[in-house]
């Protein structure tokens, strides 16, 4: 990595990290300093308008929220209704690992995996049938699946997961989205 050196700014005559045209970031963005050094004024960046993509148009027409305002409410519902053993432990249906150990940890939110991805199927984002409670490592593997993951995790039931994905795609088509 190249170390940056502080140099003398032409605008304010202080030793600073230079931004451009031998000016520090403050002087470079200051219209008066730019004019003093013969630079063109900066154009104001106009905020882009959101384009109305087909998915947004569909969302605004149908908006299936399944009774949830946001994903956090949905995740809380899934967590509270997830089946527990007699002693209160929760196990993943695909890996057999304990899930309840992640409650209150930083990786807790990664325990909720969308069967059909939110980006490709935005109308299924808040569908409780589209969410499964899994360990964060399994969630990562299903999101970024490669064939060598089967070798690394031979006890995990990827076939059951991908069968579920196919079933959800059929259900998505029958809903008429």
Protein backbone atom coordinates (compact mmCIF):
# COMPACT_ATOMS: atom_id res chain seq x y z
CA UNK A 1 0.00 0.00 0.00
CA UNK A 2 1.33 3.43 -0.93
CA UNK A 3 1.58 5.83 1.99
CA UNK A 4 0.09 9.24 1.35
CA UNK A 5 2.15 12.30 2.20
CA UNK A 6 0.86 15.61 3.41
CA UNK A 7 1.75 18.50 1.12
CA UNK A 8 1.21 22.24 1.12
CA UNK A 9 -2.28 23.21 -0.12
CA UNK A 10 -2.26 26.14 -2.59
CA UNK A 11 -5.61 27.38 -1.28
CA UNK A 12 -5.12 27.60 2.47
CA UNK A 13 -1.30 27.24 2.71
CA UNK A 14 -1.55 24.46 5.30
CA UNK A 15 -0.02 21.03 5.19
CA UNK A 16 -2.85 18.66 4.27
CA UNK A 17 -3.57 15.59 2.20
CA UNK A 18 -4.23 16.96 -1.27
CA UNK A 19 -7.49 16.20 -3.01
CA UNK A 20 -6.96 17.59 -6.52
CA UNK A 21 -5.23 20.44 -8.38
CA UNK A 22 -2.85 20.84 -5.41
CA UNK A 23 -5.81 21.73 -3.15
CA UNK A 24 -7.04 20.02 0.03
CA UNK A 25 -10.58 18.63 0.04
CA UNK A 26 -12.00 21.76 1.70
CA UNK A 27 -10.42 24.18 -0.78
CA UNK A 28 -11.25 21.93 -3.73
CA UNK A 29 -14.94 22.01 -2.83
CA UNK A 30 -14.99 25.70 -1.86
CA UNK A 31 -16.31 27.76 -4.83
CA UNK A 32 -14.29 30.87 -3.88
CA UNK A 33 -10.98 28.97 -3.67
CA UNK A 34 -11.70 27.23 -6.97
CA UNK A 35 -12.30 30.60 -8.64
CA UNK A 36 -9.02 32.00 -7.21
CA UNK A 37 -7.08 29.17 -8.84
CA UNK A 38 -8.85 29.33 -12.21
CA UNK A 39 -10.86 26.14 -11.81
CA UNK A 40 -14.38 25.69 -13.12
CA UNK A 41 -17.14 25.68 -10.49
CA UNK A 42 -18.35 22.26 -9.46
CA UNK A 43 -21.75 21.24 -10.73
CA UNK A 44 -24.28 20.38 -8.08
CA UNK A 45 -25.09 16.73 -8.10
CA UNK A 46 -28.77 16.30 -8.77
CA UNK A 47 -30.44 13.47 -6.88
CA UNK A 48 -31.60 10.75 -9.24
CA UNK A 49 -35.28 10.05 -9.51
CA UNK A 50 -36.28 6.50 -8.80
CA UNK A 51 -37.29 4.76 -11.95
CA UNK A 52 -40.55 2.90 -11.74
CA UNK A 53 -39.29 -0.60 -12.48
CA UNK A 54 -41.82 -3.34 -13.16
CA UNK A 55 -41.28 -4.89 -9.73
CA UNK A 56 -42.04 -1.57 -8.01
CA UNK A 57 -45.11 -1.13 -10.16
CA UNK A 58 -46.31 -4.60 -9.23
CA UNK A 59 -45.51 -3.95 -5.55
CA UNK A 60 -47.52 -0.75 -5.54
CA UNK A 61 -50.52 -2.51 -7.11
CA UNK A 62 -50.69 -5.75 -5.13
CA UNK A 63 -48.55 -5.18 -2.01
CA UNK A 64 -48.94 -8.55 -0.23
CA UNK A 65 -47.65 -7.92 3.28
CA UNK A 66 -49.02 -11.13 4.83
CA UNK A 67 -49.80 -9.19 8.02
CA UNK A 68 -46.25 -7.92 8.64
CA UNK A 69 -44.98 -4.34 8.34
CA UNK A 70 -41.33 -5.31 7.89
CA UNK A 71 -38.92 -8.23 7.96
CA UNK A 72 -38.07 -7.79 11.65
CA UNK A 73 -41.71 -8.43 12.62
CA UNK A 74 -41.74 -11.47 10.35
CA UNK A 75 -38.48 -12.79 11.84
CA UNK A 76 -39.82 -12.36 15.39
CA UNK A 77 -42.97 -14.25 14.43
CA UNK A 78 -40.95 -17.09 12.86
CA UNK A 79 -38.67 -17.27 15.91
CA UNK A 80 -41.56 -17.37 18.38
CA UNK A 81 -43.52 -20.01 16.43
CA UNK A 82 -40.54 -22.25 15.64
CA UNK A 83 -40.96 -25.75 17.14
CA UNK A 84 -38.95 -26.36 20.30
CA UNK A 85 -38.01 -29.55 22.08
CA UNK A 86 -39.27 -30.33 25.60
CA UNK A 87 -36.26 -28.59 27.16
CA UNK A 88 -36.77 -25.47 24.98
CA UNK A 89 -33.97 -26.08 22.48
CA UNK A 90 -34.40 -25.36 18.78
CA UNK A 91 -32.83 -27.49 16.06
CA UNK A 92 -32.47 -26.82 12.34
CA UNK A 93 -34.49 -29.09 10.06
CA UNK A 94 -31.68 -29.16 7.46
CA UNK A 95 -28.51 -29.46 9.57
CA UNK A 96 -29.68 -30.79 12.94
CA UNK A 97 -27.65 -28.04 14.68
CA UNK A 98 -28.96 -25.95 17.56
CA UNK A 99 -30.32 -22.58 16.51
CA UNK A 100 -31.36 -21.16 19.87
CA UNK A 101 -27.69 -20.48 20.71
CA UNK A 102 -27.71 -17.53 18.27
CA UNK A 103 -30.48 -15.62 20.04
CA UNK A 104 -29.11 -12.25 21.15
CA UNK A 105 -25.85 -12.68 19.21
CA UNK A 106 -24.65 -10.52 16.33
CA UNK A 107 -25.33 -13.28 13.78
CA UNK A 108 -28.93 -13.74 14.96
CA UNK A 109 -30.46 -11.96 11.96
CA UNK A 110 -28.61 -14.40 9.68
CA UNK A 111 -30.66 -17.25 11.11
CA UNK A 112 -33.56 -16.30 8.84
CA UNK A 113 -33.16 -17.47 5.28
CA UNK A 114 -35.46 -16.64 2.37
CA UNK A 115 -36.15 -19.73 0.29
CA UNK A 116 -36.83 -17.60 -2.78
CA UNK A 117 -34.41 -14.63 -2.85
CA UNK A 118 -35.88 -11.21 -2.08
CA UNK A 119 -34.25 -9.61 -5.13
CA UNK A 120 -35.75 -12.03 -7.65
CA UNK A 121 -39.07 -12.54 -5.88
CA UNK A 122 -39.85 -9.24 -4.09
CA UNK A 123 -43.48 -10.14 -3.49
CA UNK A 124 -42.43 -13.15 -1.40
CA UNK A 125 -40.22 -11.06 0.91
CA UNK A 126 -42.74 -10.95 3.78
CA UNK A 127 -44.34 -14.34 3.16
CA UNK A 128 -43.80 -16.46 6.29
CA UNK A 129 -43.80 -19.65 4.17
CA UNK A 130 -40.74 -18.27 2.34
CA UNK A 131 -38.64 -18.03 5.54
CA UNK A 132 -36.82 -20.84 7.31
CA UNK A 133 -34.91 -20.58 10.58
CA UNK A 134 -31.43 -22.04 9.95
CA UNK A 135 -27.91 -21.59 11.34
CA UNK A 136 -26.03 -18.64 9.79
CA UNK A 137 -23.48 -20.95 8.13
CA UNK A 138 -26.22 -22.89 6.35
CA UNK A 139 -27.83 -19.60 5.31
CA UNK A 140 -24.51 -18.50 3.79
CA UNK A 141 -24.16 -21.81 1.95
CA UNK A 142 -27.64 -21.63 0.44
CA UNK A 143 -27.12 -18.04 -0.70
CA UNK A 144 -23.70 -18.75 -2.26
CA UNK A 145 -24.03 -22.43 -3.14
CA UNK A 146 -21.23 -24.26 -4.93
CA UNK A 147 -20.96 -27.99 -5.46
CA UNK A 148 -17.96 -28.36 -3.11
CA UNK A 149 -20.17 -27.28 -0.18
CA UNK A 150 -21.81 -30.71 -0.27
CA UNK A 151 -18.36 -32.23 0.31
CA UNK A 152 -17.54 -29.82 3.15
CA UNK A 153 -20.86 -30.45 4.92
CA UNK A 154 -21.91 -34.04 4.15
CA UNK A 155 -24.47 -34.20 6.99
CA UNK A 156 -26.44 -31.17 5.83
CA UNK A 157 -29.56 -31.88 3.79
CA UNK A 158 -29.13 -29.63 0.74
CA UNK A 159 -31.51 -31.84 -1.28
CA UNK A 160 -34.35 -31.03 1.11
CA UNK A 161 -33.56 -27.29 0.75
CA UNK A 162 -33.52 -27.33 -3.06
CA UNK A 163 -36.72 -29.40 -3.15
CA UNK A 164 -38.29 -26.69 -0.99
CA UNK A 165 -37.00 -24.02 -3.43
CA UNK A 166 -38.67 -25.82 -6.34
CA UNK A 167 -41.94 -26.11 -4.41
CA UNK A 168 -41.89 -22.40 -3.56
CA UNK A 169 -41.29 -21.48 -7.22
CA UNK A 170 -44.37 -23.48 -8.20
CA UNK A 171 -46.37 -21.79 -5.43
CA UNK A 172 -45.13 -18.37 -6.62
CA UNK A 173 -46.37 -19.09 -10.15
CA UNK A 174 -49.77 -20.30 -8.91
CA UNK A 175 -50.25 -17.08 -6.91
CA UNK A 176 -50.23 -15.21 -10.22
CA UNK A 177 -47.40 -12.80 -9.54
